Amino acid sequence: MLKTATRNRRSSSSSVPDSKPRLLDYLAYWRTILNSLTYSPFKLRYVAAFVASMLFSLGLYAQEAKIGFVSTERIFREAAPAKAATAKIEQEFSKRQKELQELAARLKETSQRFDKEAPVLPDSDRMRRQRELTDLDKDFQRKQREFREDLNQRRNEELAVVLDRTNKVIKQIAETEKYDIVFQEAVYISPRIDITDKVLKALNTK
């Protein structure tokens, strides 16, 4: 998912039209053309023309726009609010985690003892202990599943709060330093447009 922070531009009082390429207009125009064509060599030519046009437009836009990037991964790993949220969650779930570990140890010990004694047990005792072991394993699996579900839910809740604070900081920086757009996800980013350190500094001082 692509998330951006943008700043509003005041409309110029000059009668000179905006020179920035209108990317949405380009997309709408080429989508209309491509949808009207059936598969043919001519359609392939139109596709090639569309790609070339988009690359040219993006190049012009990049020359005029001020672009920034923030690494969400680094925010969640290094920001003070994210570290505080992680510590909070660990404290909340420490008791349940310990109980789950104790239950796992009990299940392992019971299973090993049953495997060792089963060959010499009467059929009735062996079946009874087999049922007990099965019930214990089901109980462990259920508690483990509930633990993971609750942990993931709480983690998502806390990270959502951190992300909301991060977005507010990004917006403040973007407006103050007049960024046109700030990306939070990308395949590749040049270090010269990475403003993650600025965002981390702002988050860690609040």
C-alpha atoms as a PDB file:
ATOM      1  CA  MET A   1       0.000   0.000   0.000  1.00  0.00           C
ATOM      2  CA  LEU A   2       1.304   3.378  -0.957  1.00  0.00           C
ATOM      3  CA  LYS A   3       0.913   6.119   1.592  1.00  0.00           C
ATOM      4  CA  THR A   4       1.760   9.745   0.951  1.00  0.00           C
ATOM      5  CA  ALA A   5       1.795  13.080   2.644  1.00  0.00           C
ATOM      6  CA  THR A   6       1.185  16.041   0.370  1.00  0.00           C
ATOM      7  CA  ARG A   7       1.049  19.770   0.788  1.00  0.00           C
ATOM      8  CA  ASN A   8      -1.606  22.004  -0.653  1.00  0.00           C
ATOM      9  CA  ARG A   9      -0.468  24.470  -3.266  1.00  0.00           C
ATOM     10  CA  ARG A  10      -1.937  27.935  -3.608  1.00  0.00           C
ATOM     11  CA  SER A  11      -3.293  28.558  -7.043  1.00  0.00           C
ATOM     12  CA  SER A  12      -1.112  30.979  -8.923  1.00  0.00           C
ATOM     13  CA  SER A  13      -2.559  34.341  -9.835  1.00  0.00           C
ATOM     14  CA  SER A  14      -0.672  34.157 -13.129  1.00  0.00           C
ATOM     15  CA  SER A  15      -2.550  33.211 -16.261  1.00  0.00           C
ATOM     16  CA  VAL A  16       0.263  30.843 -17.285  1.00  0.00           C
ATOM     17  CA  PRO A  17      -1.046  27.243 -17.115  1.00  0.00           C
ATOM     18  CA  ASP A  18       0.556  24.749 -14.727  1.00  0.00           C
ATOM     19  CA  SER A  19       3.484  23.132 -16.500  1.00  0.00           C
ATOM     20  CA  LYS A  20       3.506  19.986 -14.372  1.00  0.00           C
ATOM     21  CA  PRO A  21       2.239  16.923 -16.225  1.00  0.00           C
ATOM     22  CA  ARG A  22      -1.226  15.862 -15.217  1.00  0.00           C
ATOM     23  CA  LEU A  23      -0.661  12.146 -14.629  1.00  0.00           C
ATOM     24  CA  LEU A  24      -4.287  11.295 -13.946  1.00  0.00           C
ATOM     25  CA  ASP A  25      -5.286  12.868 -17.251  1.00  0.00           C
ATOM     26  CA  TYR A  26      -2.615  10.816 -19.013  1.00  0.00           C
ATOM     27  CA  LEU A  27      -3.885   7.638 -17.396  1.00  0.00           C
ATOM     28  CA  ALA A  28      -7.510   8.332 -18.266  1.00  0.00           C
ATOM     29  CA  TYR A  29      -6.624   9.224 -21.846  1.00  0.00           C
ATOM     30  CA  TRP A  30      -4.565   6.095 -22.497  1.00  0.00           C
ATOM     31  CA  ARG A  31      -6.981   3.826 -20.645  1.00  0.00           C
ATOM     32  CA  THR A  32      -9.772   4.953 -22.993  1.00  0.00           C
ATOM     33  CA  ILE A  33      -7.645   4.228 -26.044  1.00  0.00           C
ATOM     34  CA  LEU A  34      -6.441   0.808 -24.870  1.00  0.00           C
ATOM     35  CA  ASN A  35      -9.894  -0.342 -23.788  1.00  0.00           C
ATOM     36  CA  SER A  36     -11.300   0.512 -27.215  1.00  0.00           C
ATOM     37  CA  LEU A  37      -8.847  -1.786 -28.997  1.00  0.00           C
ATOM     38  CA  THR A  38      -8.965  -5.538 -29.405  1.00  0.00           C
ATOM     39  CA  TYR A  39      -5.760  -7.541 -29.221  1.00  0.00           C
ATOM     40  CA  SER A  40      -3.628  -6.743 -32.254  1.00  0.00           C
ATOM     41  CA  PRO A  41      -0.150  -5.535 -33.182  1.00  0.00           C
ATOM     42  CA  PHE A  42      -1.603  -2.022 -33.187  1.00  0.00           C
ATOM     43  CA  LYS A  43      -2.589  -2.405 -29.539  1.00  0.00           C
ATOM     44  CA  LEU A  44       0.966  -3.419 -28.680  1.00  0.00           C
ATOM     45  CA  ARG A  45       2.180  -0.222 -30.346  1.00  0.00           C
ATOM     46  CA  TYR A  46      -0.256   1.808 -28.282  1.00  0.00           C
ATOM     47  CA  VAL A  47       0.964   0.061 -25.108  1.00  0.00           C
ATOM     48  CA  ALA A  48       4.541   0.923 -25.983  1.00  0.00           C
ATOM     49  CA  ALA A  49       3.548   4.527 -26.625  1.00  0.00           C
ATOM     50  CA  PHE A  50       1.704   4.632 -23.302  1.00  0.00           C
ATOM     51  CA  VAL A  51       4.740   3.374 -21.365  1.00  0.00           C
ATOM     52  CA  ALA A  52       7.042   5.847 -23.084  1.00  0.00           C
ATOM     53  CA  SER A  53       4.625   8.696 -22.384  1.00  0.00           C
ATOM     54  CA  MET A  54       4.347   7.774 -18.687  1.00  0.00           C
ATOM     55  CA  LEU A  55       8.107   7.530 -18.260  1.00  0.00           C
ATOM     56  CA  PHE A  56       8.536  10.928 -19.869  1.00  0.00           C
ATOM     57  CA  SER A  57       5.819  12.464 -17.688  1.00  0.00           C
ATOM     58  CA  LEU A  58       7.247  10.998 -14.499  1.00  0.00           C
ATOM     59  CA  GLY A  59      10.661  12.304 -15.437  1.00  0.00           C
ATOM     60  CA  LEU A  60       9.305  15.822 -15.852  1.00  0.00           C
ATOM     61  CA  TYR A  61       7.397  15.615 -12.598  1.00  0.00           C
ATOM     62  CA  ALA A  62      10.405  14.345 -10.654  1.00  0.00           C
ATOM     63  CA  GLN A  63      12.453  17.312 -11.865  1.00  0.00           C
ATOM     64  CA  GLU A  64      10.013  19.793 -10.326  1.00  0.00           C
ATOM     65  CA  ALA A  65       8.570  17.940  -7.302  1.00  0.00           C
ATOM     66  CA  LYS A  66      10.237  17.652  -3.901  1.00  0.00           C
ATOM     67  CA  ILE A  67      10.020  13.991  -2.916  1.00  0.00           C
ATOM     68  CA  GLY A  68      10.783  12.253   0.375  1.00  0.00           C
ATOM     69  CA  PHE A  69      10.730   8.716   1.722  1.00  0.00           C
ATOM     70  CA  VAL A  70      10.211   7.256   5.211  1.00  0.00           C
ATOM     71  CA  SER A  71      11.040   3.642   6.105  1.00  0.00           C
ATOM     72  CA  THR A  72       8.138   2.229   8.110  1.00  0.00           C
ATOM     73  CA  GLU A  73      10.278  -0.788   8.988  1.00  0.00           C
ATOM     74  CA  ARG A  74      12.870   1.442  10.659  1.00  0.00           C
ATOM     75  CA  ILE A  75      10.154   3.400  12.452  1.00  0.00           C
ATOM     76  CA  PHE A  76       8.717   0.223  13.984  1.00  0.00           C
ATOM     77  CA  ARG A  77      12.196  -0.998  14.906  1.00  0.00           C
ATOM     78  CA  GLU A  78      13.913   2.183  16.141  1.00  0.00           C
ATOM     79  CA  ALA A  79      11.308   4.735  17.200  1.00  0.00           C
ATOM     80  CA  ALA A  80      10.848   5.243  20.942  1.00  0.00           C
ATOM     81  CA  PRO A  81       7.025   4.880  20.767  1.00  0.00           C
ATOM     82  CA  ALA A  82       7.418   1.567  18.922  1.00  0.00           C
ATOM     83  CA  LYS A  83       9.904   0.259  21.506  1.00  0.00           C
ATOM     84  CA  ALA A  84       7.573   1.332  24.311  1.00  0.00           C
ATOM     85  CA  ALA A  85       4.661  -0.453  22.629  1.00  0.00           C
ATOM     86  CA  THR A  86       6.709  -3.652  22.281  1.00  0.00           C
ATOM     87  CA  ALA A  87       7.704  -3.563  25.956  1.00  0.00           C
ATOM     88  CA  LYS A  88       4.088  -2.954  26.946  1.00  0.00           C
ATOM     89  CA  ILE A  89       2.863  -5.943  24.962  1.00  0.00           C
ATOM     90  CA  GLU A  90       5.586  -8.225  26.338  1.00  0.00           C
ATOM     91  CA  GLN A  91       4.581  -7.281  29.874  1.00  0.00           C
ATOM     92  CA  GLU A  92       0.889  -7.862  29.160  1.00  0.00           C
ATOM     93  CA  PHE A  93       1.468 -11.334  27.748  1.00  0.00           C
ATOM     94  CA  SER A  94       4.362 -12.526  29.910  1.00  0.00           C
ATOM     95  CA  LYS A  95       2.115 -14.411  32.348  1.00  0.00           C
ATOM     96  CA  ARG A  96       0.203 -16.230  29.615  1.00  0.00           C
ATOM     97  CA  GLN A  97       3.420 -17.024  27.797  1.00  0.00           C
ATOM     98  CA  LYS A  98       4.901 -18.581  30.943  1.00  0.00           C
ATOM     99  CA  GLU A  99       1.753 -20.660  31.511  1.00  0.00           C
ATOM    100  CA  LEU A 100       1.892 -21.827  27.904  1.00  0.00           C
ATOM    101  CA  GLN A 101       5.533 -22.838  28.247  1.00  0.00           C
ATOM    102  CA  GLU A 102       4.737 -24.788  31.412  1.00  0.00           C
ATOM    103  CA  LEU A 103       1.859 -26.559  29.677  1.00  0.00           C
ATOM    104  CA  ALA A 104       4.111 -27.449  26.742  1.00  0.00           C
ATOM    105  CA  ALA A 105       6.694 -28.932  29.133  1.00  0.00           C
ATOM    106  CA  ARG A 106       3.970 -30.923  30.896  1.00  0.00           C
ATOM    107  CA  LEU A 107       2.654 -32.232  27.575  1.00  0.00           C
ATOM    108  CA  LYS A 108       6.136 -33.305  26.495  1.00  0.00           C
ATOM    109  CA  GLU A 109       6.841 -35.068  29.782  1.00  0.00           C
ATOM    110  CA  THR A 110       3.467 -36.852  29.745  1.00  0.00           C
ATOM    111  CA  SER A 111       3.955 -37.967  26.164  1.00  0.00           C
ATOM    112  CA  GLN A 112       7.436 -39.333  26.837  1.00  0.00           C
ATOM    113  CA  ARG A 113       6.270 -41.214  29.936  1.00  0.00           C
ATOM    114  CA  PHE A 114       3.332 -42.719  28.059  1.00  0.00           C
ATOM    115  CA  ASP A 115       5.538 -43.862  25.170  1.00  0.00           C
ATOM    116  CA  LYS A 116       7.850 -45.566  27.657  1.00  0.00           C
ATOM    117  CA  GLU A 117       5.147 -47.284  29.719  1.00  0.00           C
ATOM    118  CA  ALA A 118       2.524 -48.031  27.043  1.00  0.00           C
ATOM    119  CA  PRO A 119       3.917 -51.455  26.026  1.00  0.00           C
ATOM    120  CA  VAL A 120       3.423 -52.883  29.540  1.00  0.00           C
ATOM    121  CA  LEU A 121       0.110 -51.203  30.407  1.00  0.00           C
ATOM    122  CA  PRO A 122      -3.207 -53.074  30.407  1.00  0.00           C
ATOM    123  CA  ASP A 123      -5.407 -52.147  27.458  1.00  0.00           C
ATOM    124  CA  SER A 124      -7.856 -50.178  29.599  1.00  0.00           C
ATOM    125  CA  ASP A 125      -5.106 -48.100  31.234  1.00  0.00           C
ATOM    126  CA  ARG A 126      -3.367 -47.517  27.929  1.00  0.00           C
ATOM    127  CA  MET A 127      -6.568 -46.267  26.289  1.00  0.00           C
ATOM    128  CA  ARG A 128      -7.382 -44.060  29.279  1.00  0.00           C
ATOM    129  CA  ARG A 129      -3.957 -42.439  29.303  1.00  0.00           C
ATOM    130  CA  GLN A 130      -4.058 -42.068  25.534  1.00  0.00           C
ATOM    131  CA  ARG A 131      -7.307 -40.107  25.859  1.00  0.00           C
ATOM    132  CA  GLU A 132      -5.808 -37.968  28.621  1.00  0.00           C
ATOM    133  CA  LEU A 133      -2.775 -37.222  26.475  1.00  0.00           C
ATOM    134  CA  THR A 134      -4.989 -36.335  23.512  1.00  0.00           C
ATOM    135  CA  ASP A 135      -7.100 -34.001  25.649  1.00  0.00           C
ATOM    136  CA  LEU A 136      -3.979 -32.353  27.033  1.00  0.00           C
ATOM    137  CA  ASP A 137      -2.606 -31.820  23.539  1.00  0.00           C
ATOM    138  CA  LYS A 138      -5.928 -30.304  22.361  1.00  0.00           C
ATOM    139  CA  ASP A 139      -5.925 -27.977  25.363  1.00  0.00           C
ATOM    140  CA  PHE A 140      -2.384 -26.869  24.561  1.00  0.00           C
ATOM    141  CA  GLN A 141      -3.148 -26.294  20.887  1.00  0.00           C
ATOM    142  CA  ARG A 142      -6.240 -24.239  21.771  1.00  0.00           C
ATOM    143  CA  LYS A 143      -4.418 -22.058  24.284  1.00  0.00           C
ATOM    144  CA  GLN A 144      -1.488 -21.588  21.934  1.00  0.00           C
ATOM    145  CA  ARG A 145      -3.809 -20.507  19.110  1.00  0.00           C
ATOM    146  CA  GLU A 146      -5.691 -18.068  21.367  1.00  0.00           C
ATOM    147  CA  PHE A 147      -2.397 -16.670  22.648  1.00  0.00           C
ATOM    148  CA  ARG A 148      -1.146 -15.979  19.125  1.00  0.00           C
ATOM    149  CA  GLU A 149      -4.432 -14.434  18.024  1.00  0.00           C
ATOM    150  CA  ASP A 150      -4.610 -12.137  21.054  1.00  0.00           C
ATOM    151  CA  LEU A 151      -0.935 -11.221  20.742  1.00  0.00           C
ATOM    152  CA  ASN A 152      -1.279 -10.338  17.063  1.00  0.00           C
ATOM    153  CA  GLN A 153      -4.392  -8.277  17.740  1.00  0.00           C
ATOM    154  CA  ARG A 154      -2.700  -6.266  20.496  1.00  0.00           C
ATOM    155  CA  ARG A 155       0.427  -5.810  18.407  1.00  0.00           C
ATOM    156  CA  ASN A 156      -1.641  -4.483  15.505  1.00  0.00           C
ATOM    157  CA  GLU A 157      -3.492  -2.105  17.834  1.00  0.00           C
ATOM    158  CA  GLU A 158      -0.281  -0.688  19.275  1.00  0.00           C
ATOM    159  CA  LEU A 159       1.434  -0.424  15.894  1.00  0.00           C
ATOM    160  CA  ALA A 160      -1.600   1.411  14.525  1.00  0.00           C
ATOM    161  CA  VAL A 161      -1.129   4.037  17.241  1.00  0.00           C
ATOM    162  CA  VAL A 162       2.572   4.332  16.399  1.00  0.00           C
ATOM    163  CA  LEU A 163       1.780   4.625  12.692  1.00  0.00           C
ATOM    164  CA  ASP A 164      -0.791   7.339  13.354  1.00  0.00           C
ATOM    165  CA  ARG A 165       1.769   9.373  15.332  1.00  0.00           C
ATOM    166  CA  THR A 166       4.338   8.781  12.598  1.00  0.00           C
ATOM    167  CA  ASN A 167       2.002  10.020   9.880  1.00  0.00           C
ATOM    168  CA  LYS A 168       1.314  13.201  11.843  1.00  0.00           C
ATOM    169  CA  VAL A 169       5.054  13.836  12.174  1.00  0.00           C
ATOM    170  CA  ILE A 170       5.576  13.162   8.462  1.00  0.00           C
ATOM    171  CA  LYS A 171       2.814  15.605   7.605  1.00  0.00           C
ATOM    172  CA  GLN A 172       4.364  18.291   9.826  1.00  0.00           C
ATOM    173  CA  ILE A 173       7.793  17.820   8.223  1.00  0.00           C
ATOM    174  CA  ALA A 174       6.287  17.770   4.736  1.00  0.00           C
ATOM    175  CA  GLU A 175       4.399  21.012   5.327  1.00  0.00           C
ATOM    176  CA  THR A 176       7.310  22.748   7.051  1.00  0.00           C
ATOM    177  CA  GLU A 177       9.916  21.742   4.475  1.00  0.00           C
ATOM    178  CA  LYS A 178       7.505  21.978   1.543  1.00  0.00           C
ATOM    179  CA  TYR A 179       7.602  18.393   0.299  1.00  0.00           C
ATOM    180  CA  ASP A 180       5.203  17.599  -2.517  1.00  0.00           C
ATOM    181  CA  ILE A 181       4.999  13.912  -1.722  1.00  0.00           C
ATOM    182  CA  VAL A 182       6.407  11.504   0.878  1.00  0.00           C
ATOM    183  CA  PHE A 183       6.457   7.763   0.177  1.00  0.00           C
ATOM    184  CA  GLN A 184       6.395   5.134   2.924  1.00  0.00           C
ATOM    185  CA  GLU A 185       6.856   2.072   0.725  1.00  0.00           C
ATOM    186  CA  ALA A 186       8.963   1.557  -2.372  1.00  0.00           C
ATOM    187  CA  VAL A 187      11.103  -1.043  -4.117  1.00  0.00           C
ATOM    188  CA  TYR A 188      14.150   1.226  -4.238  1.00  0.00           C
ATOM    189  CA  ILE A 189      14.855   4.628  -2.714  1.00  0.00           C
ATOM    190  CA  SER A 190      17.857   6.873  -3.138  1.00  0.00           C
ATOM    191  CA  PRO A 191      19.404   7.848   0.218  1.00  0.00           C
ATOM    192  CA  ARG A 192      19.271  11.513  -0.794  1.00  0.00           C
ATOM    193  CA  ILE A 193      15.461  11.587  -0.425  1.00  0.00           C
ATOM    194  CA  ASP A 194      15.299   9.423   2.723  1.00  0.00           C
ATOM    195  CA  ILE A 195      13.977  11.514   5.626  1.00  0.00           C
ATOM    196  CA  THR A 196      13.526   8.624   8.062  1.00  0.00           C
ATOM    197  CA  ASP A 197      16.153  10.030  10.434  1.00  0.00           C
ATOM    198  CA  LYS A 198      14.244  13.308  10.667  1.00  0.00           C
ATOM    199  CA  VAL A 199      11.031  11.457  11.510  1.00  0.00           C
ATOM    200  CA  LEU A 200      12.796   9.280  14.095  1.00  0.00           C
ATOM    201  CA  LYS A 201      14.323  12.329  15.735  1.00  0.00           C
ATOM    202  CA  ALA A 202      10.937  14.012  15.974  1.00  0.00           C
ATOM    203  CA  LEU A 203       9.277  10.876  17.394  1.00  0.00           C
ATOM    204  CA  ASN A 204      12.030  10.237  19.917  1.00  0.00           C
ATOM    205  CA  THR A 205      11.927  13.781  21.305  1.00  0.00           C
ATOM    206  CA  LYS A 206       8.180  13.816  21.920  1.00  0.00           C
END
